[in-house]
Amino acid sequence: MNIFVASLSYQVSEADLRELFEEYGTVSSAKIITDRETGRSKGFGFVEMDDDSEGQRAIEELNGAEFDGRTLAVSVARPRTERPRGGGGYNRGGGNRYGSDRY
């Protein structure tokens, strides 16, 4: 089971997150999402637990619980959706700023 954990303190480490969830069962991975440029935590992460019943119990007991001075939001992670990359707001297909080659 993949679990989404939001509202984490920026000081929480992956080891802290793993330890918190290990109270409910075996954790196969714990990942804090960080900003690519600064390396600073974005305040959320993901925990993977092999046993769905242990994961569900962790969600039920940790959602709304306080951890490191913050109230956690814990839920089943939704599957990742692909987002279009790049763009920057300009017309890549050529033409002028109005999106047409006719002017």
PDB file of N, CA and C in Angstrom:
ATOM      1  N   MET A   1       0.846  -1.175   0.000  1.00  0.00           N
ATOM      2  CA  MET A   1       0.000   0.000   0.000  1.00  0.00           C
ATOM      3  C   MET A   1       0.889   1.235   0.000  1.00  0.00           C
ATOM      4  N   ASN A   2       0.571   2.181  -0.884  1.00  0.00           N
ATOM      5  CA  ASN A   2       1.302   3.439  -0.960  1.00  0.00           C
ATOM      6  C   ASN A   2       0.487   4.501  -0.220  1.00  0.00           C
ATOM      7  N   ILE A   3       1.123   5.166   0.730  1.00  0.00           N
ATOM      8  CA  ILE A   3       0.433   6.111   1.617  1.00  0.00           C
ATOM      9  C   ILE A   3       1.013   7.505   1.424  1.00  0.00           C
ATOM     10  N   PHE A   4       0.132   8.493   1.266  1.00  0.00           N
ATOM     11  CA  PHE A   4       0.508   9.895   1.132  1.00  0.00           C
ATOM     12  C   PHE A   4       0.451  10.547   2.509  1.00  0.00           C
ATOM     13  N   VAL A   5       1.501  11.277   2.871  1.00  0.00           N
ATOM     14  CA  VAL A   5       1.571  11.945   4.170  1.00  0.00           C
ATOM     15  C   VAL A   5       1.856  13.425   3.926  1.00  0.00           C
ATOM     16  N   ALA A   6       0.914  14.294   4.301  1.00  0.00           N
ATOM     17  CA  ALA A   6       1.065  15.737   4.095  1.00  0.00           C
ATOM     18  C   ALA A   6       1.145  16.464   5.427  1.00  0.00           C
ATOM     19  N   SER A   7       1.543  17.709   5.339  1.00  0.00           N
ATOM     20  CA  SER A   7       1.656  18.599   6.496  1.00  0.00           C
ATOM     21  C   SER A   7       2.785  18.180   7.430  1.00  0.00           C
ATOM     22  N   LEU A   8       3.871  17.675   6.828  1.00  0.00           N
ATOM     23  CA  LEU A   8       5.034  17.300   7.613  1.00  0.00           C
ATOM     24  C   LEU A   8       5.854  18.543   7.950  1.00  0.00           C
ATOM     25  N   SER A   9       6.437  18.548   9.119  1.00  0.00           N
ATOM     26  CA  SER A   9       7.386  19.588   9.481  1.00  0.00           C
ATOM     27  C   SER A   9       8.574  19.489   8.536  1.00  0.00           C
ATOM     28  N   TYR A  10       9.167  20.628   8.182  1.00  0.00           N
ATOM     29  CA  TYR A  10      10.311  20.616   7.270  1.00  0.00           C
ATOM     30  C   TYR A  10      11.535  19.938   7.886  1.00  0.00           C
ATOM     31  N   GLN A  11      11.533  19.734   9.206  1.00  0.00           N
ATOM     32  CA  GLN A  11      12.661  19.095   9.875  1.00  0.00           C
ATOM     33  C   GLN A  11      12.548  17.573   9.922  1.00  0.00           C
ATOM     34  N   VAL A  12      11.402  17.007   9.560  1.00  0.00           N
ATOM     35  CA  VAL A  12      11.207  15.559   9.607  1.00  0.00           C
ATOM     36  C   VAL A  12      12.064  14.899   8.530  1.00  0.00           C
ATOM     37  N   SER A  13      12.810  13.869   8.920  1.00  0.00           N
ATOM     38  CA  SER A  13      13.654  13.131   7.978  1.00  0.00           C
ATOM     39  C   SER A  13      12.924  11.873   7.511  1.00  0.00           C
ATOM     40  N   GLU A  14      13.482  11.229   6.505  1.00  0.00           N
ATOM     41  CA  GLU A  14      12.917   9.962   6.033  1.00  0.00           C
ATOM     42  C   GLU A  14      12.996   8.908   7.125  1.00  0.00           C
ATOM     43  N   ALA A  15      14.054   8.934   7.924  1.00  0.00           N
ATOM     44  CA  ALA A  15      14.190   7.987   9.040  1.00  0.00           C
ATOM     45  C   ALA A  15      13.089   8.226  10.076  1.00  0.00           C
ATOM     46  N   ASP A  16      12.772   9.498  10.354  1.00  0.00           N
ATOM     47  CA  ASP A  16      11.686   9.828  11.296  1.00  0.00           C
ATOM     48  C   ASP A  16      10.351   9.303  10.778  1.00  0.00           C
ATOM     49  N   LEU A  17      10.104   9.510   9.497  1.00  0.00           N
ATOM     50  CA  LEU A  17       8.853   9.079   8.879  1.00  0.00           C
ATOM     51  C   LEU A  17       8.736   7.559   8.925  1.00  0.00           C
ATOM     52  N   ARG A  18       9.819   6.875   8.591  1.00  0.00           N
ATOM     53  CA  ARG A  18       9.843   5.408   8.636  1.00  0.00           C
ATOM     54  C   ARG A  18       9.541   4.919  10.050  1.00  0.00           C
ATOM     55  N   GLU A  19      10.206   5.513  11.036  1.00  0.00           N
ATOM     56  CA  GLU A  19      10.028   5.107  12.430  1.00  0.00           C
ATOM     57  C   GLU A  19       8.581   5.300  12.889  1.00  0.00           C
ATOM     58  N   LEU A  20       7.966   6.407  12.480  1.00  0.00           N
ATOM     59  CA  LEU A  20       6.572   6.677  12.846  1.00  0.00           C
ATOM     60  C   LEU A  20       5.648   5.576  12.327  1.00  0.00           C
ATOM     61  N   PHE A  21       5.833   5.176  11.072  1.00  0.00           N
ATOM     62  CA  PHE A  21       4.948   4.178  10.469  1.00  0.00           C
ATOM     63  C   PHE A  21       5.293   2.752  10.887  1.00  0.00           C
ATOM     64  N   GLU A  22       6.527   2.506  11.302  1.00  0.00           N
ATOM     65  CA  GLU A  22       6.901   1.155  11.736  1.00  0.00           C
ATOM     66  C   GLU A  22       6.166   0.732  13.003  1.00  0.00           C
ATOM     67  N   GLU A  23       5.562   1.677  13.707  1.00  0.00           N
ATOM     68  CA  GLU A  23       4.731   1.330  14.862  1.00  0.00           C
ATOM     69  C   GLU A  23       3.501   0.536  14.441  1.00  0.00           C
ATOM     70  N   TYR A  24       3.164   0.589  13.137  1.00  0.00           N
ATOM     71  CA  TYR A  24       1.960  -0.069  12.636  1.00  0.00           C
ATOM     72  C   TYR A  24       2.259  -1.284  11.771  1.00  0.00           C
ATOM     73  N   GLY A  25       3.524  -1.514  11.442  1.00  0.00           N
ATOM     74  CA  GLY A  25       3.870  -2.667  10.618  1.00  0.00           C
ATOM     75  C   GLY A  25       5.162  -2.445   9.858  1.00  0.00           C
ATOM     76  N   THR A  26       5.416  -3.328   8.916  1.00  0.00           N
ATOM     77  CA  THR A  26       6.643  -3.292   8.138  1.00  0.00           C
ATOM     78  C   THR A  26       6.568  -2.221   7.057  1.00  0.00           C
ATOM     79  N   VAL A  27       7.564  -1.346   7.044  1.00  0.00           N
ATOM     80  CA  VAL A  27       7.645  -0.269   6.055  1.00  0.00           C
ATOM     81  C   VAL A  27       8.683  -0.678   5.012  1.00  0.00           C
ATOM     82  N   SER A  28       8.276  -0.722   3.738  1.00  0.00           N
ATOM     83  CA  SER A  28       9.237  -1.070   2.691  1.00  0.00           C
ATOM     84  C   SER A  28       9.986   0.149   2.184  1.00  0.00           C
ATOM     85  N   SER A  29       9.378   1.345   2.272  1.00  0.00           N
ATOM     86  CA  SER A  29      10.101   2.570   1.925  1.00  0.00           C
ATOM     87  C   SER A  29       9.401   3.781   2.540  1.00  0.00           C
ATOM     88  N   ALA A  30      10.194   4.821   2.779  1.00  0.00           N
ATOM     89  CA  ALA A  30       9.682   6.105   3.264  1.00  0.00           C
ATOM     90  C   ALA A  30      10.448   7.184   2.515  1.00  0.00           C
ATOM     91  N   LYS A  31       9.735   8.099   1.875  1.00  0.00           N
ATOM     92  CA  LYS A  31      10.380   9.111   1.036  1.00  0.00           C
ATOM     93  C   LYS A  31       9.778  10.478   1.319  1.00  0.00           C
ATOM     94  N   ILE A  32      10.648  11.443   1.650  1.00  0.00           N
ATOM     95  CA  ILE A  32      10.235  12.841   1.790  1.00  0.00           C
ATOM     96  C   ILE A  32      10.498  13.504   0.440  1.00  0.00           C
ATOM     97  N   ILE A  33       9.531  14.235  -0.080  1.00  0.00           N
ATOM     98  CA  ILE A  33       9.702  14.912  -1.361  1.00  0.00           C
ATOM     99  C   ILE A  33      10.407  16.248  -1.112  1.00  0.00           C
ATOM    100  N   THR A  34      11.462  16.486  -1.881  1.00  0.00           N
ATOM    101  CA  THR A  34      12.251  17.702  -1.699  1.00  0.00           C
ATOM    102  C   THR A  34      12.246  18.550  -2.968  1.00  0.00           C
ATOM    103  N   ASP A  35      12.490  19.821  -2.785  1.00  0.00           N
ATOM    104  CA  ASP A  35      12.610  20.752  -3.891  1.00  0.00           C
ATOM    105  C   ASP A  35      13.877  20.413  -4.680  1.00  0.00           C
ATOM    106  N   ARG A  36      13.772  20.341  -5.981  1.00  0.00           N
ATOM    107  CA  ARG A  36      14.897  19.968  -6.829  1.00  0.00           C
ATOM    108  C   ARG A  36      16.082  20.929  -6.721  1.00  0.00           C
ATOM    109  N   GLU A  37      15.793  22.209  -6.599  1.00  0.00           N
ATOM    110  CA  GLU A  37      16.863  23.197  -6.611  1.00  0.00           C
ATOM    111  C   GLU A  37      17.478  23.447  -5.238  1.00  0.00           C
ATOM    112  N   THR A  38      16.645  23.465  -4.199  1.00  0.00           N
ATOM    113  CA  THR A  38      17.157  23.791  -2.868  1.00  0.00           C
ATOM    114  C   THR A  38      17.432  22.571  -2.005  1.00  0.00           C
ATOM    115  N   GLY A  39      16.802  21.437  -2.334  1.00  0.00           N
ATOM    116  CA  GLY A  39      16.950  20.237  -1.521  1.00  0.00           C
ATOM    117  C   GLY A  39      16.120  20.271  -0.253  1.00  0.00           C
ATOM    118  N   ARG A  40      15.352  21.343  -0.054  1.00  0.00           N
ATOM    119  CA  ARG A  40      14.521  21.492   1.143  1.00  0.00           C
ATOM    120  C   ARG A  40      13.233  20.676   0.997  1.00  0.00           C
ATOM    121  N   SER A  41      12.771  20.121   2.116  1.00  0.00           N
ATOM    122  CA  SER A  41      11.536  19.351   2.129  1.00  0.00           C
ATOM    123  C   SER A  41      10.373  20.202   1.634  1.00  0.00           C
ATOM    124  N   LYS A  42       9.471  19.571   0.892  1.00  0.00           N
ATOM    125  CA  LYS A  42       8.250  20.245   0.457  1.00  0.00           C
ATOM    126  C   LYS A  42       7.112  20.040   1.455  1.00  0.00           C
ATOM    127  N   GLY A  43       7.383  19.298   2.540  1.00  0.00           N
ATOM    128  CA  GLY A  43       6.375  19.121   3.575  1.00  0.00           C
ATOM    129  C   GLY A  43       5.431  17.950   3.352  1.00  0.00           C
ATOM    130  N   PHE A  44       5.771  17.081   2.412  1.00  0.00           N
ATOM    131  CA  PHE A  44       4.959  15.874   2.225  1.00  0.00           C
ATOM    132  C   PHE A  44       5.852  14.727   1.766  1.00  0.00           C
ATOM    133  N   GLY A  45       5.289  13.528   1.857  1.00  0.00           N
ATOM    134  CA  GLY A  45       6.061  12.361   1.469  1.00  0.00           C
ATOM    135  C   GLY A  45       5.174  11.153   1.245  1.00  0.00           C
ATOM    136  N   PHE A  46       5.818  10.021   1.025  1.00  0.00           N
ATOM    137  CA  PHE A  46       5.117   8.768   0.757  1.00  0.00           C
ATOM    138  C   PHE A  46       5.748   7.645   1.563  1.00  0.00           C
ATOM    139  N   VAL A  47       4.893   6.752   2.034  1.00  0.00           N
ATOM    140  CA  VAL A  47       5.338   5.578   2.777  1.00  0.00           C
ATOM    141  C   VAL A  47       4.715   4.371   2.097  1.00  0.00           C
ATOM    142  N   GLU A  48       5.524   3.342   1.868  1.00  0.00           N
ATOM    143  CA  GLU A  48       5.009   2.099   1.307  1.00  0.00           C
ATOM    144  C   GLU A  48       5.042   1.028   2.375  1.00  0.00           C
ATOM    145  N   MET A  49       3.896   0.349   2.544  1.00  0.00           N
ATOM    146  CA  MET A  49       3.780  -0.754   3.489  1.00  0.00           C
ATOM    147  C   MET A  49       3.286  -1.966   2.711  1.00  0.00           C
ATOM    148  N   ASP A  50       3.906  -3.118   2.969  1.00  0.00           N
ATOM    149  CA  ASP A  50       3.557  -4.331   2.226  1.00  0.00           C
ATOM    150  C   ASP A  50       2.168  -4.856   2.562  1.00  0.00           C
ATOM    151  N   ASP A  51       1.779  -4.755   3.823  1.00  0.00           N
ATOM    152  CA  ASP A  51       0.505  -5.302   4.287  1.00  0.00           C
ATOM    153  C   ASP A  51      -0.564  -4.201   4.263  1.00  0.00           C
ATOM    154  N   ASP A  52      -1.591  -4.391   3.427  1.00  0.00           N
ATOM    155  CA  ASP A  52      -2.643  -3.380   3.295  1.00  0.00           C
ATOM    156  C   ASP A  52      -3.390  -3.120   4.596  1.00  0.00           C
ATOM    157  N   SER A  53      -3.602  -4.159   5.410  1.00  0.00           N
ATOM    158  CA  SER A  53      -4.340  -3.962   6.663  1.00  0.00           C
ATOM    159  C   SER A  53      -3.507  -3.128   7.638  1.00  0.00           C
ATOM    160  N   GLU A  54      -2.187  -3.331   7.659  1.00  0.00           N
ATOM    161  CA  GLU A  54      -1.322  -2.504   8.504  1.00  0.00           C
ATOM    162  C   GLU A  54      -1.314  -1.061   8.003  1.00  0.00           C
ATOM    163  N   GLY A  55      -1.268  -0.907   6.689  1.00  0.00           N
ATOM    164  CA  GLY A  55      -1.303   0.428   6.096  1.00  0.00           C
ATOM    165  C   GLY A  55      -2.594   1.151   6.405  1.00  0.00           C
ATOM    166  N   GLN A  56      -3.711   0.437   6.307  1.00  0.00           N
ATOM    167  CA  GLN A  56      -5.012   1.054   6.597  1.00  0.00           C
ATOM    168  C   GLN A  56      -5.098   1.476   8.060  1.00  0.00           C
ATOM    169  N   ARG A  57      -4.588   0.652   8.951  1.00  0.00           N
ATOM    170  CA  ARG A  57      -4.581   0.991  10.381  1.00  0.00           C
ATOM    171  C   ARG A  57      -3.719   2.228  10.632  1.00  0.00           C
ATOM    172  N   ALA A  58      -2.564   2.317   9.973  1.00  0.00           N
ATOM    173  CA  ALA A  58      -1.690   3.483  10.108  1.00  0.00           C
ATOM    174  C   ALA A  58      -2.406   4.745   9.622  1.00  0.00           C
ATOM    175  N   ILE A  59      -3.101   4.653   8.498  1.00  0.00           N
ATOM    176  CA  ILE A  59      -3.847   5.800   7.973  1.00  0.00           C
ATOM    177  C   ILE A  59      -4.899   6.255   8.975  1.00  0.00           C
ATOM    178  N   GLU A  60      -5.685   5.302   9.472  1.00  0.00           N
ATOM    179  CA  GLU A  60      -6.763   5.628  10.412  1.00  0.00           C
ATOM    180  C   GLU A  60      -6.235   6.280  11.683  1.00  0.00           C
ATOM    181  N   GLU A  61      -5.115   5.797  12.193  1.00  0.00           N
ATOM    182  CA  GLU A  61      -4.605   6.308  13.464  1.00  0.00           C
ATOM    183  C   GLU A  61      -3.740   7.553  13.320  1.00  0.00           C
ATOM    184  N   LEU A  62      -3.091   7.733  12.173  1.00  0.00           N
ATOM    185  CA  LEU A  62      -2.198   8.881  12.020  1.00  0.00           C
ATOM    186  C   LEU A  62      -2.848  10.087  11.336  1.00  0.00           C
ATOM    187  N   ASN A  63      -3.926   9.878  10.583  1.00  0.00           N
ATOM    188  CA  ASN A  63      -4.599  11.010   9.963  1.00  0.00           C
ATOM    189  C   ASN A  63      -5.197  11.900  11.054  1.00  0.00           C
ATOM    190  N   GLY A  64      -4.757  13.150  11.100  1.00  0.00           N
ATOM    191  CA  GLY A  64      -5.222  14.080  12.131  1.00  0.00           C
ATOM    192  C   GLY A  64      -4.382  14.065  13.394  1.00  0.00           C
ATOM    193  N   ALA A  65      -3.400  13.159  13.455  1.00  0.00           N
ATOM    194  CA  ALA A  65      -2.531  13.091  14.631  1.00  0.00           C
ATOM    195  C   ALA A  65      -1.466  14.172  14.553  1.00  0.00           C
ATOM    196  N   GLU A  66      -0.962  14.581  15.704  1.00  0.00           N
ATOM    197  CA  GLU A  66       0.105  15.570  15.741  1.00  0.00           C
ATOM    198  C   GLU A  66       1.455  14.872  15.733  1.00  0.00           C
ATOM    199  N   PHE A  67       2.357  15.385  14.901  1.00  0.00           N
ATOM    200  CA  PHE A  67       3.718  14.848  14.810  1.00  0.00           C
ATOM    201  C   PHE A  67       4.668  16.010  14.574  1.00  0.00           C
ATOM    202  N   ASP A  68       5.621  16.177  15.455  1.00  0.00           N
ATOM    203  CA  ASP A  68       6.613  17.245  15.370  1.00  0.00           C
ATOM    204  C   ASP A  68       5.951  18.620  15.239  1.00  0.00           C
ATOM    205  N   GLY A  69       4.881  18.813  16.017  1.00  0.00           N
ATOM    206  CA  GLY A  69       4.203  20.107  16.060  1.00  0.00           C
ATOM    207  C   GLY A  69       3.240  20.386  14.927  1.00  0.00           C
ATOM    208  N   ARG A  70       2.993  19.414  14.048  1.00  0.00           N
ATOM    209  CA  ARG A  70       2.085  19.598  12.918  1.00  0.00           C
ATOM    210  C   ARG A  70       1.005  18.528  12.945  1.00  0.00           C
ATOM    211  N   THR A  71      -0.185  18.872  12.445  1.00  0.00           N
ATOM    212  CA  THR A  71      -1.275  17.912  12.331  1.00  0.00           C
ATOM    213  C   THR A  71      -1.186  17.244  10.962  1.00  0.00           C
ATOM    214  N   LEU A  72      -0.945  15.940  10.968  1.00  0.00           N
ATOM    215  CA  LEU A  72      -0.741  15.197   9.733  1.00  0.00           C
ATOM    216  C   LEU A  72      -2.035  14.972   8.963  1.00  0.00           C
ATOM    217  N   ALA A  73      -1.911  14.932   7.651  1.00  0.00           N
ATOM    218  CA  ALA A  73      -2.987  14.502   6.759  1.00  0.00           C
ATOM    219  C   ALA A  73      -2.460  13.250   6.066  1.00  0.00           C
ATOM    220  N   VAL A  74      -3.072  12.103   6.346  1.00  0.00           N
ATOM    221  CA  VAL A  74      -2.579  10.811   5.859  1.00  0.00           C
ATOM    222  C   VAL A  74      -3.696  10.124   5.089  1.00  0.00           C
ATOM    223  N   SER A  75      -3.391   9.647   3.884  1.00  0.00           N
ATOM    224  CA  SER A  75      -4.399   8.974   3.068  1.00  0.00           C
ATOM    225  C   SER A  75      -3.721   8.004   2.104  1.00  0.00           C
ATOM    226  N   VAL A  76      -4.538   7.183   1.452  1.00  0.00           N
ATOM    227  CA  VAL A  76      -4.019   6.297   0.416  1.00  0.00           C
ATOM    228  C   VAL A  76      -3.561   7.197  -0.732  1.00  0.00           C
ATOM    229  N   ALA A  77      -2.361   6.952  -1.236  1.00  0.00           N
ATOM    230  CA  ALA A  77      -1.830   7.758  -2.339  1.00  0.00           C
ATOM    231  C   ALA A  77      -2.577   7.441  -3.618  1.00  0.00           C
ATOM    232  N   ARG A  78      -2.907   8.472  -4.357  1.00  0.00           N
ATOM    233  CA  ARG A  78      -3.526   8.285  -5.669  1.00  0.00           C
ATOM    234  C   ARG A  78      -2.433   7.962  -6.675  1.00  0.00           C
ATOM    235  N   PRO A  79      -2.772   7.195  -7.710  1.00  0.00           N
ATOM    236  CA  PRO A  79      -1.769   6.906  -8.738  1.00  0.00           C
ATOM    237  C   PRO A  79      -1.273   8.202  -9.378  1.00  0.00           C
ATOM    238  N   ARG A  80       0.002   8.239  -9.707  1.00  0.00           N
ATOM    239  CA  ARG A  80       0.598   9.413 -10.316  1.00  0.00           C
ATOM    240  C   ARG A  80       0.074   9.577 -11.734  1.00  0.00           C
ATOM    241  N   THR A  81      -0.294  10.793 -12.087  1.00  0.00           N
ATOM    242  CA  THR A  81      -0.754  11.063 -13.446  1.00  0.00           C
ATOM    243  C   THR A  81       0.348  11.786 -14.197  1.00  0.00           C
ATOM    244  N   GLU A  82       0.438  11.504 -15.471  1.00  0.00           N
ATOM    245  CA  GLU A  82       1.446  12.155 -16.310  1.00  0.00           C
ATOM    246  C   GLU A  82       0.981  13.567 -16.627  1.00  0.00           C
ATOM    247  N   ARG A  83       1.895  14.518 -16.461  1.00  0.00           N
ATOM    248  CA  ARG A  83       1.602  15.898 -16.813  1.00  0.00           C
ATOM    249  C   ARG A  83       2.472  16.286 -18.006  1.00  0.00           C
ATOM    250  N   PRO A  84       1.940  17.140 -18.883  1.00  0.00           N
ATOM    251  CA  PRO A  84       2.776  17.593 -19.995  1.00  0.00           C
ATOM    252  C   PRO A  84       3.966  18.378 -19.468  1.00  0.00           C
ATOM    253  N   ARG A  85       5.100  18.219 -20.096  1.00  0.00           N
ATOM    254  CA  ARG A  85       6.324  18.892 -19.658  1.00  0.00           C
ATOM    255  C   ARG A  85       6.612  20.078 -20.554  1.00  0.00           C
ATOM    256  N   GLY A  86       7.382  20.990 -20.012  1.00  0.00           N
ATOM    257  CA  GLY A  86       7.884  22.106 -20.812  1.00  0.00           C
ATOM    258  C   GLY A  86       6.798  23.085 -21.186  1.00  0.00           C
ATOM    259  N   GLY A  87       7.002  23.754 -22.266  1.00  0.00           N
ATOM    260  CA  GLY A  87       5.998  24.700 -22.743  1.00  0.00           C
ATOM    261  C   GLY A  87       6.421  26.127 -22.504  1.00  0.00           C
ATOM    262  N   GLY A  88       6.421  26.541 -21.263  1.00  0.00           N
ATOM    263  CA  GLY A  88       6.833  27.890 -20.938  1.00  0.00           C
ATOM    264  C   GLY A  88       5.880  28.959 -21.443  1.00  0.00           C
ATOM    265  N   GLY A  89       4.732  28.583 -22.000  1.00  0.00           N
ATOM    266  CA  GLY A  89       3.728  29.561 -22.388  1.00  0.00           C
ATOM    267  C   GLY A  89       3.892  30.131 -23.788  1.00  0.00           C
ATOM    268  N   TYR A  90       4.817  29.648 -24.583  1.00  0.00           N
ATOM    269  CA  TYR A  90       4.937  30.168 -25.941  1.00  0.00           C
ATOM    270  C   TYR A  90       4.581  29.082 -26.941  1.00  0.00           C
ATOM    271  N   ASN A  91       4.331  29.508 -28.137  1.00  0.00           N
ATOM    272  CA  ASN A  91       3.900  28.602 -29.197  1.00  0.00           C
ATOM    273  C   ASN A  91       5.109  27.882 -29.769  1.00  0.00           C
ATOM    274  N   ARG A  92       5.264  26.602 -29.480  1.00  0.00           N
ATOM    275  CA  ARG A  92       6.413  25.834 -29.970  1.00  0.00           C
ATOM    276  C   ARG A  92       6.281  25.491 -31.449  1.00  0.00           C
ATOM    277  N   GLY A  93       5.095  25.591 -32.000  1.00  0.00           N
ATOM    278  CA  GLY A  93       4.873  25.169 -33.372  1.00  0.00           C
ATOM    279  C   GLY A  93       5.260  26.204 -34.406  1.00  0.00           C
ATOM    280  N   GLY A  94       5.861  27.289 -34.018  1.00  0.00           N
ATOM    281  CA  GLY A  94       6.214  28.334 -34.973  1.00  0.00           C
ATOM    282  C   GLY A  94       5.105  29.354 -35.053  1.00  0.00           C
ATOM    283  N   GLY A  95       5.200  30.215 -36.029  1.00  0.00           N
ATOM    284  CA  GLY A  95       4.190  31.245 -36.177  1.00  0.00           C
ATOM    285  C   GLY A  95       4.476  32.411 -35.257  1.00  0.00           C
ATOM    286  N   ASN A  96       3.546  33.325 -35.192  1.00  0.00           N
ATOM    287  CA  ASN A  96       3.745  34.505 -34.362  1.00  0.00           C
ATOM    288  C   ASN A  96       3.116  34.337 -32.991  1.00  0.00           C
ATOM    289  N   ARG A  97       3.110  35.391 -32.206  1.00  0.00           N
ATOM    290  CA  ARG A  97       2.588  35.301 -30.838  1.00  0.00           C
ATOM    291  C   ARG A  97       1.099  35.029 -30.780  1.00  0.00           C
ATOM    292  N   TYR A  98       0.399  35.162 -31.909  1.00  0.00           N
ATOM    293  CA  TYR A  98      -1.042  34.897 -31.931  1.00  0.00           C
ATOM    294  C   TYR A  98      -1.338  33.452 -32.307  1.00  0.00           C
ATOM    295  N   GLY A  99      -0.291  32.650 -32.504  1.00  0.00           N
ATOM    296  CA  GLY A  99      -0.483  31.238 -32.780  1.00  0.00           C
ATOM    297  C   GLY A  99      -0.804  30.917 -34.229  1.00  0.00           C
ATOM    298  N   SER A 100      -0.523  31.836 -35.113  1.00  0.00           N
ATOM    299  CA  SER A 100      -0.853  31.607 -36.515  1.00  0.00           C
ATOM    300  C   SER A 100       0.300  32.099 -37.389  1.00  0.00           C
ATOM    301  N   ASP A 101       0.480  31.469 -38.529  1.00  0.00           N
ATOM    302  CA  ASP A 101       1.515  31.908 -39.468  1.00  0.00           C
ATOM    303  C   ASP A 101       0.956  32.907 -40.472  1.00  0.00           C
ATOM    304  N   ARG A 102      -0.325  33.207 -40.431  1.00  0.00           N
ATOM    305  CA  ARG A 102      -0.962  34.023 -41.467  1.00  0.00           C
ATOM    306  C   ARG A 102      -0.662  35.503 -41.341  1.00  0.00           C
ATOM    307  N   TYR A 103      -0.190  36.002 -40.235  1.00  0.00           N
ATOM    308  CA  TYR A 103      -0.015  37.455 -40.078  1.00  0.00           C
ATOM    309  C   TYR A 103       1.396  37.873 -40.275  1.00  0.00           C
TER     310      TYR A 103
END
